[in-house]
């Protein structure tokens, strides 16, 4: 009997966090079965990564729907067919609406490149650099109806590299890849 939670990963870009999570799952380091990638950008590189990993791809362009609720209802139908139990946001650049939130209460997790509650929303790294802070970080948190306001599960601080965005981003991504997998493993091992 497979008691691993069935997980869908939502991503809008290259899918580097998807790849790390997928690799950890396949290696047995993460107690989860990755059954789908959901993207709002059908041409995103994460689609190629998912296809290569033999993971179902759910790709809808939100502009082709009359409302956010209709867009999320189409996604939800696919998730239910795959019996998805958890959603992991990994660079998904849309707010989750009530259609999906109501279907997955306390079962949606996100990673954000700042020490929340500082610098929520888009371009958190740019926000941190603009404010001249010396330390930023990574936060893993539950998703609620707000923007990056859900209960914090884990955080790790990172020193900003002399206001160098590229080097700071590299540090953040390295921490994201480690912290996300570790936090998800703790969450699903309970």
N, C-alpha and C. Protein backbone atom coordinates (compact mmCIF):
# COMPACT_ATOMS: atom_id res chain seq x y z
N UNK A 1 0.84 -1.19 0.00
CA UNK A 1 0.00 0.00 0.00
C UNK A 1 0.88 1.25 0.00
N UNK A 2 0.56 2.18 -0.88
CA UNK A 2 1.32 3.41 -0.98
C UNK A 2 0.67 4.47 -0.11
N UNK A 3 1.33 4.84 0.97
CA UNK A 3 0.77 5.86 1.85
C UNK A 3 1.43 7.22 1.65
N UNK A 4 2.15 7.37 0.56
CA UNK A 4 2.76 8.65 0.26
C UNK A 4 1.68 9.62 -0.21
N UNK A 5 1.73 10.86 0.25
CA UNK A 5 0.75 11.83 -0.23
C UNK A 5 0.95 12.12 -1.72
N UNK A 6 -0.16 12.25 -2.43
CA UNK A 6 -0.11 12.61 -3.85
C UNK A 6 -0.05 14.13 -3.95
N UNK A 7 0.96 14.62 -4.67
CA UNK A 7 1.27 16.03 -4.68
C UNK A 7 1.23 16.59 -6.09
N UNK A 8 0.67 17.79 -6.21
CA UNK A 8 0.76 18.57 -7.45
C UNK A 8 1.64 19.78 -7.17
N UNK A 9 2.56 20.04 -8.08
CA UNK A 9 3.43 21.20 -7.95
C UNK A 9 2.98 22.25 -8.96
N UNK A 10 2.72 23.46 -8.46
CA UNK A 10 2.32 24.58 -9.31
C UNK A 10 3.56 25.42 -9.59
N UNK A 11 3.82 25.70 -10.87
CA UNK A 11 4.99 26.50 -11.25
C UNK A 11 4.67 27.30 -12.51
N UNK A 12 5.34 28.44 -12.64
CA UNK A 12 5.13 29.30 -13.80
C UNK A 12 6.39 29.48 -14.65
N UNK A 13 7.53 28.96 -14.19
CA UNK A 13 8.78 29.24 -14.88
C UNK A 13 9.59 28.02 -15.21
N UNK A 14 10.88 28.08 -14.87
CA UNK A 14 11.80 27.02 -15.27
C UNK A 14 11.60 25.72 -14.49
N UNK A 15 11.11 25.83 -13.27
CA UNK A 15 10.83 24.62 -12.49
C UNK A 15 12.02 24.05 -11.75
N UNK A 16 12.97 24.90 -11.35
CA UNK A 16 14.13 24.36 -10.62
C UNK A 16 13.71 23.76 -9.28
N UNK A 17 12.77 24.38 -8.59
CA UNK A 17 12.28 23.80 -7.33
C UNK A 17 11.51 22.51 -7.60
N UNK A 18 10.73 22.47 -8.69
CA UNK A 18 10.06 21.22 -9.07
C UNK A 18 11.09 20.12 -9.24
N UNK A 19 12.18 20.41 -9.95
CA UNK A 19 13.18 19.38 -10.24
C UNK A 19 13.80 18.85 -8.95
N UNK A 20 14.13 19.74 -8.03
CA UNK A 20 14.74 19.32 -6.76
C UNK A 20 13.75 18.45 -5.97
N UNK A 21 12.50 18.85 -5.92
CA UNK A 21 11.48 18.08 -5.20
C UNK A 21 11.25 16.73 -5.87
N UNK A 22 11.18 16.73 -7.19
CA UNK A 22 10.98 15.49 -7.94
C UNK A 22 12.16 14.54 -7.71
N UNK A 23 13.38 15.06 -7.80
CA UNK A 23 14.56 14.23 -7.58
C UNK A 23 14.59 13.64 -6.17
N UNK A 24 14.22 14.45 -5.18
CA UNK A 24 14.19 13.97 -3.79
C UNK A 24 13.14 12.88 -3.62
N UNK A 25 12.01 13.03 -4.28
CA UNK A 25 10.95 12.02 -4.21
C UNK A 25 11.42 10.71 -4.84
N UNK A 26 12.01 10.80 -6.01
CA UNK A 26 12.48 9.59 -6.70
C UNK A 26 13.60 8.89 -5.94
N UNK A 27 14.43 9.68 -5.25
CA UNK A 27 15.55 9.10 -4.49
C UNK A 27 15.10 8.52 -3.15
N UNK A 28 13.84 8.75 -2.79
CA UNK A 28 13.33 8.26 -1.51
C UNK A 28 13.64 9.20 -0.35
N UNK A 29 14.15 10.39 -0.65
CA UNK A 29 14.46 11.36 0.40
C UNK A 29 13.26 12.23 0.77
N UNK A 30 12.20 12.14 -0.01
CA UNK A 30 10.99 12.90 0.24
C UNK A 30 9.81 11.95 0.14
N UNK A 31 9.06 11.86 1.21
CA UNK A 31 7.94 10.93 1.31
C UNK A 31 6.73 11.53 0.58
N UNK A 32 6.75 11.46 -0.76
CA UNK A 32 5.67 12.02 -1.57
C UNK A 32 5.69 11.41 -2.95
N UNK A 33 4.52 11.39 -3.56
CA UNK A 33 4.40 10.98 -4.96
C UNK A 33 3.99 12.22 -5.76
N UNK A 34 4.87 12.70 -6.62
CA UNK A 34 4.58 13.87 -7.43
C UNK A 34 3.78 13.39 -8.64
N UNK A 35 2.50 13.76 -8.68
CA UNK A 35 1.62 13.24 -9.73
C UNK A 35 1.28 14.25 -10.80
N UNK A 36 1.54 15.54 -10.56
CA UNK A 36 1.19 16.55 -11.57
C UNK A 36 1.99 17.82 -11.38
N UNK A 37 2.18 18.50 -12.50
CA UNK A 37 2.65 19.87 -12.52
C UNK A 37 1.52 20.70 -13.10
N UNK A 38 1.19 21.78 -12.41
CA UNK A 38 0.17 22.72 -12.88
C UNK A 38 0.88 24.01 -13.24
N UNK A 39 0.59 24.52 -14.44
CA UNK A 39 1.20 25.77 -14.85
C UNK A 39 0.19 26.67 -15.54
N UNK A 40 0.37 27.96 -15.33
CA UNK A 40 -0.43 28.97 -16.03
C UNK A 40 0.28 29.45 -17.28
N UNK A 41 1.44 28.88 -17.55
CA UNK A 41 2.24 29.24 -18.72
C UNK A 41 2.57 27.96 -19.48
N UNK A 42 1.72 27.57 -20.42
CA UNK A 42 1.91 26.29 -21.14
C UNK A 42 3.26 26.14 -21.83
N UNK A 43 3.97 27.25 -22.09
CA UNK A 43 5.29 27.17 -22.74
C UNK A 43 6.45 27.19 -21.75
N UNK A 44 6.16 27.20 -20.46
CA UNK A 44 7.21 27.28 -19.45
C UNK A 44 8.10 26.03 -19.48
N UNK A 45 9.36 26.21 -19.12
CA UNK A 45 10.32 25.10 -19.13
C UNK A 45 9.94 24.00 -18.14
N UNK A 46 9.19 24.33 -17.10
CA UNK A 46 8.76 23.31 -16.15
C UNK A 46 7.96 22.20 -16.85
N UNK A 47 7.29 22.52 -17.95
CA UNK A 47 6.52 21.52 -18.70
C UNK A 47 7.47 20.46 -19.25
N UNK A 48 8.62 20.90 -19.80
CA UNK A 48 9.61 19.95 -20.31
C UNK A 48 10.16 19.09 -19.18
N UNK A 49 10.43 19.72 -18.05
CA UNK A 49 10.96 18.96 -16.90
C UNK A 49 9.95 17.90 -16.46
N UNK A 50 8.68 18.28 -16.37
CA UNK A 50 7.64 17.34 -15.94
C UNK A 50 7.48 16.20 -16.93
N UNK A 51 7.48 16.54 -18.21
CA UNK A 51 7.36 15.51 -19.25
C UNK A 51 8.52 14.53 -19.18
N UNK A 52 9.72 15.03 -18.99
CA UNK A 52 10.91 14.17 -18.87
C UNK A 52 10.82 13.26 -17.65
N UNK A 53 10.14 13.73 -16.60
CA UNK A 53 10.00 12.95 -15.37
C UNK A 53 8.75 12.06 -15.40
N UNK A 54 8.04 12.07 -16.51
CA UNK A 54 6.81 11.29 -16.68
C UNK A 54 5.74 11.69 -15.64
N UNK A 55 5.60 13.01 -15.46
CA UNK A 55 4.61 13.56 -14.54
C UNK A 55 3.54 14.26 -15.37
N UNK A 56 2.28 14.06 -15.02
CA UNK A 56 1.18 14.71 -15.74
C UNK A 56 1.32 16.22 -15.70
N UNK A 57 0.98 16.86 -16.80
CA UNK A 57 1.03 18.30 -16.90
C UNK A 57 -0.39 18.84 -17.08
N UNK A 58 -0.75 19.78 -16.22
CA UNK A 58 -2.03 20.49 -16.31
C UNK A 58 -1.66 21.93 -16.66
N UNK A 59 -1.91 22.30 -17.92
CA UNK A 59 -1.50 23.62 -18.39
C UNK A 59 -2.69 24.34 -19.00
N UNK A 60 -3.10 25.39 -18.32
CA UNK A 60 -4.20 26.21 -18.82
C UNK A 60 -3.75 27.67 -18.83
N UNK A 61 -4.14 28.38 -19.88
CA UNK A 61 -3.89 29.81 -19.94
C UNK A 61 -5.07 30.51 -19.27
N UNK A 62 -4.84 31.21 -18.17
CA UNK A 62 -5.95 31.85 -17.44
C UNK A 62 -6.75 32.83 -18.29
N UNK A 63 -6.12 33.42 -19.30
CA UNK A 63 -6.81 34.39 -20.15
C UNK A 63 -7.89 33.75 -21.01
N UNK A 64 -7.87 32.43 -21.12
CA UNK A 64 -8.87 31.72 -21.92
C UNK A 64 -10.13 31.40 -21.12
N UNK A 65 -10.18 31.86 -19.86
CA UNK A 65 -11.34 31.62 -19.00
C UNK A 65 -12.02 32.94 -18.68
N UNK A 66 -13.33 32.88 -18.47
CA UNK A 66 -14.07 34.11 -18.20
C UNK A 66 -13.85 34.65 -16.80
N UNK A 67 -13.36 33.81 -15.89
CA UNK A 67 -13.11 34.26 -14.52
C UNK A 67 -12.03 33.41 -13.87
N UNK A 68 -11.50 33.93 -12.77
CA UNK A 68 -10.52 33.17 -11.99
C UNK A 68 -11.16 31.89 -11.45
N UNK A 69 -12.40 31.98 -11.02
CA UNK A 69 -13.10 30.81 -10.49
C UNK A 69 -13.23 29.72 -11.55
N UNK A 70 -13.53 30.10 -12.79
CA UNK A 70 -13.63 29.12 -13.88
C UNK A 70 -12.28 28.48 -14.17
N UNK A 71 -11.23 29.31 -14.17
CA UNK A 71 -9.87 28.81 -14.39
C UNK A 71 -9.51 27.79 -13.30
N UNK A 72 -9.75 28.16 -12.05
CA UNK A 72 -9.41 27.26 -10.95
C UNK A 72 -10.30 26.01 -10.93
N UNK A 73 -11.54 26.14 -11.37
CA UNK A 73 -12.44 24.97 -11.43
C UNK A 73 -11.90 23.94 -12.43
N UNK A 74 -11.36 24.41 -13.55
CA UNK A 74 -10.79 23.50 -14.54
C UNK A 74 -9.57 22.78 -13.96
N UNK A 75 -8.74 23.51 -13.22
CA UNK A 75 -7.58 22.90 -12.57
C UNK A 75 -8.04 21.90 -11.52
N UNK A 76 -9.00 22.31 -10.70
CA UNK A 76 -9.49 21.46 -9.62
C UNK A 76 -10.03 20.14 -10.14
N UNK A 77 -10.74 20.19 -11.24
CA UNK A 77 -11.28 18.95 -11.85
C UNK A 77 -10.14 17.97 -12.17
N UNK A 78 -9.07 18.49 -12.75
CA UNK A 78 -7.92 17.65 -13.08
C UNK A 78 -7.23 17.11 -11.82
N UNK A 79 -7.09 17.96 -10.81
CA UNK A 79 -6.46 17.54 -9.56
C UNK A 79 -7.27 16.43 -8.89
N UNK A 80 -8.58 16.57 -8.92
CA UNK A 80 -9.44 15.56 -8.30
C UNK A 80 -9.34 14.23 -9.04
N UNK A 81 -9.24 14.28 -10.37
CA UNK A 81 -9.10 13.03 -11.14
C UNK A 81 -7.80 12.30 -10.79
N UNK A 82 -6.77 13.06 -10.46
CA UNK A 82 -5.48 12.48 -10.08
C UNK A 82 -5.39 12.18 -8.58
N UNK A 83 -6.45 12.47 -7.85
CA UNK A 83 -6.53 12.24 -6.40
C UNK A 83 -5.43 12.98 -5.63
N UNK A 84 -5.14 14.21 -6.07
CA UNK A 84 -4.13 15.03 -5.42
C UNK A 84 -4.57 15.37 -4.00
N UNK A 85 -3.62 15.26 -3.06
CA UNK A 85 -3.89 15.55 -1.65
C UNK A 85 -3.23 16.84 -1.17
N UNK A 86 -2.11 17.21 -1.79
CA UNK A 86 -1.35 18.40 -1.39
C UNK A 86 -0.96 19.18 -2.63
N UNK A 87 -0.86 20.50 -2.46
CA UNK A 87 -0.37 21.38 -3.51
C UNK A 87 0.88 22.07 -2.98
N UNK A 88 1.93 22.08 -3.81
CA UNK A 88 3.18 22.75 -3.48
C UNK A 88 3.40 23.83 -4.54
N UNK A 89 3.46 25.08 -4.10
CA UNK A 89 3.73 26.17 -5.02
C UNK A 89 5.24 26.35 -5.14
N UNK A 90 5.72 26.37 -6.36
CA UNK A 90 7.17 26.47 -6.60
C UNK A 90 7.40 27.45 -7.75
N UNK A 91 7.29 28.72 -7.42
CA UNK A 91 7.44 29.73 -8.46
C UNK A 91 6.17 29.91 -9.27
N UNK A 92 5.03 29.68 -8.65
CA UNK A 92 3.74 29.91 -9.31
C UNK A 92 3.37 31.36 -9.07
N UNK A 93 3.26 32.13 -10.12
CA UNK A 93 3.16 33.57 -10.00
C UNK A 93 1.72 34.09 -10.01
N UNK A 94 0.82 33.33 -9.42
CA UNK A 94 -0.58 33.74 -9.31
C UNK A 94 -1.04 33.50 -7.88
N UNK A 95 -1.92 34.35 -7.40
CA UNK A 95 -2.55 34.10 -6.10
C UNK A 95 -3.56 32.97 -6.24
N UNK A 96 -3.56 32.08 -5.28
CA UNK A 96 -4.54 30.99 -5.27
C UNK A 96 -5.86 31.56 -4.76
N UNK A 97 -6.93 31.28 -5.50
CA UNK A 97 -8.25 31.78 -5.13
C UNK A 97 -9.04 30.80 -4.29
N UNK A 98 -10.23 31.22 -3.92
CA UNK A 98 -11.01 30.42 -2.97
C UNK A 98 -11.44 29.07 -3.53
N UNK A 99 -11.57 28.93 -4.84
CA UNK A 99 -11.97 27.64 -5.41
C UNK A 99 -10.99 26.55 -5.01
N UNK A 100 -9.70 26.83 -5.17
CA UNK A 100 -8.68 25.83 -4.80
C UNK A 100 -8.41 25.85 -3.31
N UNK A 101 -8.39 27.04 -2.70
CA UNK A 101 -8.18 27.11 -1.24
C UNK A 101 -9.22 26.29 -0.49
N UNK A 102 -10.48 26.41 -0.88
CA UNK A 102 -11.55 25.68 -0.19
C UNK A 102 -11.44 24.17 -0.38
N UNK A 103 -10.89 23.75 -1.51
CA UNK A 103 -10.76 22.32 -1.79
C UNK A 103 -9.55 21.69 -1.09
N UNK A 104 -8.57 22.52 -0.70
CA UNK A 104 -7.34 22.03 -0.08
C UNK A 104 -7.02 22.81 1.19
N UNK A 105 -7.91 22.77 2.19
CA UNK A 105 -7.64 23.54 3.41
C UNK A 105 -6.40 23.01 4.14
N UNK A 106 -5.47 23.91 4.42
CA UNK A 106 -4.22 23.58 5.12
C UNK A 106 -3.42 22.50 4.39
N UNK A 107 -3.56 22.47 3.07
CA UNK A 107 -2.84 21.48 2.26
C UNK A 107 -2.13 22.14 1.08
N UNK A 108 -1.88 23.46 1.19
CA UNK A 108 -1.15 24.18 0.14
C UNK A 108 0.03 24.87 0.80
N UNK A 109 1.21 24.65 0.24
CA UNK A 109 2.44 25.18 0.80
C UNK A 109 3.15 26.01 -0.27
N UNK A 110 3.81 27.08 0.16
CA UNK A 110 4.54 27.96 -0.75
C UNK A 110 5.94 28.24 -0.21
N UNK A 111 6.83 28.61 -1.11
CA UNK A 111 8.15 29.08 -0.73
C UNK A 111 8.29 30.50 -1.25
N UNK A 112 8.89 31.35 -0.43
CA UNK A 112 9.01 32.77 -0.79
C UNK A 112 10.42 33.26 -0.48
N UNK A 113 11.03 34.05 -1.39
CA UNK A 113 12.41 34.48 -1.21
C UNK A 113 12.58 35.72 -0.33
N UNK A 114 12.07 35.65 0.88
CA UNK A 114 12.32 36.68 1.89
C UNK A 114 12.00 36.10 3.25
N UNK A 115 12.34 36.84 4.29
CA UNK A 115 11.95 36.46 5.64
C UNK A 115 10.61 37.13 5.92
N UNK A 116 9.55 36.44 5.55
CA UNK A 116 8.22 37.01 5.77
C UNK A 116 8.03 37.29 7.26
N UNK A 117 7.33 38.34 7.62
CA UNK A 117 6.42 39.12 6.79
C UNK A 117 7.09 40.22 5.98
N UNK A 118 8.41 40.34 6.01
CA UNK A 118 9.08 41.35 5.19
C UNK A 118 9.06 40.96 3.71
N UNK A 119 8.82 41.92 2.88
CA UNK A 119 8.90 41.81 1.42
C UNK A 119 8.01 40.72 0.82
N UNK A 120 6.71 40.77 1.09
CA UNK A 120 5.79 39.82 0.45
C UNK A 120 5.58 40.20 -1.02
N UNK A 121 4.97 39.31 -1.77
CA UNK A 121 4.60 39.62 -3.15
C UNK A 121 5.74 39.46 -4.14
N UNK A 122 5.54 40.11 -5.28
CA UNK A 122 6.49 39.97 -6.39
C UNK A 122 7.81 40.67 -6.09
N UNK A 123 8.86 40.12 -6.67
CA UNK A 123 10.22 40.67 -6.62
C UNK A 123 10.69 40.97 -5.20
N UNK A 124 10.58 39.99 -4.35
CA UNK A 124 11.02 40.16 -2.96
C UNK A 124 12.51 40.48 -2.87
N UNK A 125 13.30 39.89 -3.76
CA UNK A 125 14.75 40.16 -3.74
C UNK A 125 14.99 41.63 -4.11
N UNK A 126 14.32 42.09 -5.14
CA UNK A 126 14.44 43.49 -5.53
C UNK A 126 13.99 44.43 -4.43
N UNK A 127 12.91 44.05 -3.73
CA UNK A 127 12.44 44.87 -2.60
C UNK A 127 13.51 44.96 -1.51
N UNK A 128 14.12 43.81 -1.20
CA UNK A 128 15.15 43.78 -0.16
C UNK A 128 16.34 44.64 -0.56
N UNK A 129 16.77 44.54 -1.80
CA UNK A 129 17.90 45.34 -2.28
C UNK A 129 17.56 46.83 -2.25
N UNK A 130 16.35 47.18 -2.67
CA UNK A 130 15.94 48.58 -2.69
C UNK A 130 15.90 49.18 -1.28
N UNK A 131 15.58 48.34 -0.30
CA UNK A 131 15.53 48.82 1.09
C UNK A 131 16.90 48.81 1.76
N UNK A 132 17.89 48.25 1.09
CA UNK A 132 19.25 48.26 1.62
C UNK A 132 19.47 47.35 2.82
N UNK A 133 18.63 46.34 2.98
CA UNK A 133 18.82 45.43 4.12
C UNK A 133 20.07 44.58 3.90
N UNK A 134 20.64 44.12 4.96
CA UNK A 134 21.87 43.32 4.90
C UNK A 134 21.56 41.82 4.90
N UNK A 135 20.35 41.48 5.38
CA UNK A 135 19.95 40.08 5.49
C UNK A 135 18.55 39.92 4.91
N UNK A 136 18.38 38.89 4.13
CA UNK A 136 17.06 38.50 3.65
C UNK A 136 16.95 37.01 3.94
N UNK A 137 16.19 36.27 3.17
CA UNK A 137 16.10 34.85 3.46
C UNK A 137 15.06 34.15 2.63
N UNK A 138 14.65 33.00 3.15
CA UNK A 138 13.67 32.15 2.50
C UNK A 138 12.65 31.73 3.55
N UNK A 139 11.38 31.72 3.15
CA UNK A 139 10.29 31.30 4.04
C UNK A 139 9.46 30.23 3.35
N UNK A 140 9.15 29.16 4.07
CA UNK A 140 8.18 28.16 3.63
C UNK A 140 6.96 28.37 4.50
N UNK A 141 5.79 28.49 3.86
CA UNK A 141 4.58 28.79 4.62
C UNK A 141 3.34 28.16 3.99
N UNK A 142 2.31 28.00 4.82
CA UNK A 142 1.01 27.59 4.29
C UNK A 142 0.43 28.74 3.48
N UNK A 143 -0.42 28.40 2.54
CA UNK A 143 -1.07 29.41 1.71
C UNK A 143 -2.46 29.67 2.26
N UNK A 144 -2.78 30.96 2.38
CA UNK A 144 -4.13 31.36 2.76
C UNK A 144 -4.62 32.36 1.71
N UNK A 145 -5.69 33.08 2.00
CA UNK A 145 -6.28 33.99 1.02
C UNK A 145 -5.45 35.25 0.79
N UNK A 146 -4.49 35.54 1.66
CA UNK A 146 -3.67 36.73 1.50
C UNK A 146 -2.45 36.47 0.64
N UNK A 147 -1.66 37.52 0.43
CA UNK A 147 -0.42 37.38 -0.34
C UNK A 147 0.73 37.14 0.62
N UNK A 148 1.19 35.89 0.67
CA UNK A 148 2.32 35.50 1.52
C UNK A 148 2.05 35.78 3.00
N UNK A 149 0.81 35.48 3.44
CA UNK A 149 0.42 35.75 4.82
C UNK A 149 0.13 34.50 5.63
N UNK A 150 0.24 33.32 5.03
CA UNK A 150 -0.08 32.08 5.74
C UNK A 150 0.92 31.74 6.83
N UNK A 151 0.53 30.82 7.69
CA UNK A 151 1.36 30.38 8.81
C UNK A 151 2.74 29.91 8.33
N UNK A 152 3.77 30.42 8.98
CA UNK A 152 5.15 30.10 8.60
C UNK A 152 5.53 28.73 9.14
N UNK A 153 6.11 27.91 8.26
CA UNK A 153 6.57 26.58 8.63
C UNK A 153 8.08 26.54 8.89
N UNK A 154 8.84 27.31 8.10
CA UNK A 154 10.30 27.34 8.26
C UNK A 154 10.85 28.60 7.61
N UNK A 155 11.97 29.07 8.16
CA UNK A 155 12.67 30.21 7.60
C UNK A 155 14.16 30.00 7.74
N UNK A 156 14.91 30.61 6.82
CA UNK A 156 16.36 30.61 6.93
C UNK A 156 16.88 31.94 6.40
N UNK A 157 17.74 32.57 7.17
CA UNK A 157 18.31 33.86 6.80
C UNK A 157 19.47 33.68 5.83
N UNK A 158 19.67 34.71 4.99
CA UNK A 158 20.75 34.73 4.01
C UNK A 158 21.30 36.16 3.96
N UNK A 159 22.61 36.28 4.03
CA UNK A 159 23.22 37.60 3.89
C UNK A 159 23.16 38.03 2.43
N UNK A 160 22.83 39.30 2.23
CA UNK A 160 22.84 39.86 0.88
C UNK A 160 24.29 40.14 0.51
N UNK A 161 24.64 39.81 -0.73
CA UNK A 161 26.01 39.96 -1.20
C UNK A 161 26.20 41.37 -1.74
N UNK A 162 26.69 42.28 -0.93
CA UNK A 162 27.03 43.65 -1.34
C UNK A 162 26.07 44.22 -2.39
N UNK A 163 24.80 44.07 -2.14
CA UNK A 163 23.75 44.56 -3.04
C UNK A 163 23.88 43.99 -4.45
N UNK A 164 24.47 42.81 -4.57
CA UNK A 164 24.63 42.13 -5.86
C UNK A 164 23.45 41.17 -6.04
N UNK A 165 22.55 41.52 -6.92
CA UNK A 165 21.32 40.73 -7.10
C UNK A 165 21.62 39.30 -7.57
N UNK A 166 22.48 39.16 -8.55
CA UNK A 166 22.74 37.83 -9.10
C UNK A 166 23.30 36.87 -8.05
N UNK A 167 24.31 37.32 -7.31
CA UNK A 167 24.89 36.45 -6.28
C UNK A 167 23.90 36.18 -5.15
N UNK A 168 23.12 37.18 -4.80
CA UNK A 168 22.10 37.01 -3.76
C UNK A 168 21.05 35.99 -4.22
N UNK A 169 20.61 36.09 -5.47
CA UNK A 169 19.65 35.12 -6.01
C UNK A 169 20.21 33.71 -5.97
N UNK A 170 21.48 33.55 -6.32
CA UNK A 170 22.10 32.22 -6.27
C UNK A 170 22.08 31.66 -4.86
N UNK A 171 22.39 32.49 -3.88
CA UNK A 171 22.35 32.04 -2.48
C UNK A 171 20.92 31.64 -2.08
N UNK A 172 19.97 32.46 -2.48
CA UNK A 172 18.57 32.18 -2.14
C UNK A 172 18.12 30.88 -2.77
N UNK A 173 18.43 30.66 -4.04
CA UNK A 173 18.00 29.43 -4.71
C UNK A 173 18.62 28.19 -4.05
N UNK A 174 19.87 28.30 -3.66
CA UNK A 174 20.52 27.16 -3.00
C UNK A 174 19.82 26.83 -1.69
N UNK A 175 19.46 27.85 -0.93
CA UNK A 175 18.75 27.63 0.33
C UNK A 175 17.33 27.12 0.06
N UNK A 176 16.66 27.69 -0.93
CA UNK A 176 15.30 27.23 -1.27
C UNK A 176 15.29 25.74 -1.54
N UNK A 177 16.21 25.28 -2.36
CA UNK A 177 16.21 23.87 -2.76
C UNK A 177 16.39 22.94 -1.57
N UNK A 178 17.20 23.34 -0.63
CA UNK A 178 17.42 22.51 0.56
C UNK A 178 16.28 22.65 1.57
N UNK A 179 15.89 23.89 1.87
CA UNK A 179 14.89 24.14 2.91
C UNK A 179 13.51 23.61 2.52
N UNK A 180 13.13 23.76 1.26
CA UNK A 180 11.79 23.33 0.84
C UNK A 180 11.64 21.82 0.99
N UNK A 181 12.59 21.08 0.45
CA UNK A 181 12.51 19.62 0.54
C UNK A 181 12.52 19.15 2.00
N UNK A 182 13.40 19.74 2.80
CA UNK A 182 13.49 19.37 4.22
C UNK A 182 12.18 19.66 4.95
N UNK A 183 11.60 20.83 4.69
CA UNK A 183 10.34 21.20 5.36
C UNK A 183 9.19 20.31 4.91
N UNK A 184 9.12 20.04 3.62
CA UNK A 184 8.06 19.15 3.12
C UNK A 184 8.20 17.75 3.71
N UNK A 185 9.42 17.26 3.81
CA UNK A 185 9.63 15.94 4.41
C UNK A 185 9.14 15.92 5.85
N UNK A 186 9.45 16.96 6.60
CA UNK A 186 8.99 17.04 7.99
C UNK A 186 7.46 17.09 8.04
N UNK A 187 6.87 17.83 7.16
CA UNK A 187 5.42 17.99 7.11
C UNK A 187 4.73 16.66 6.81
N UNK A 188 5.26 15.92 5.85
CA UNK A 188 4.61 14.69 5.43
C UNK A 188 5.04 13.46 6.21
N UNK A 189 5.97 13.62 7.13
CA UNK A 189 6.40 12.49 7.97
C UNK A 189 5.65 12.45 9.28
N UNK A 190 4.80 13.46 9.50
CA UNK A 190 4.05 13.54 10.77
C UNK A 190 3.03 12.45 10.88
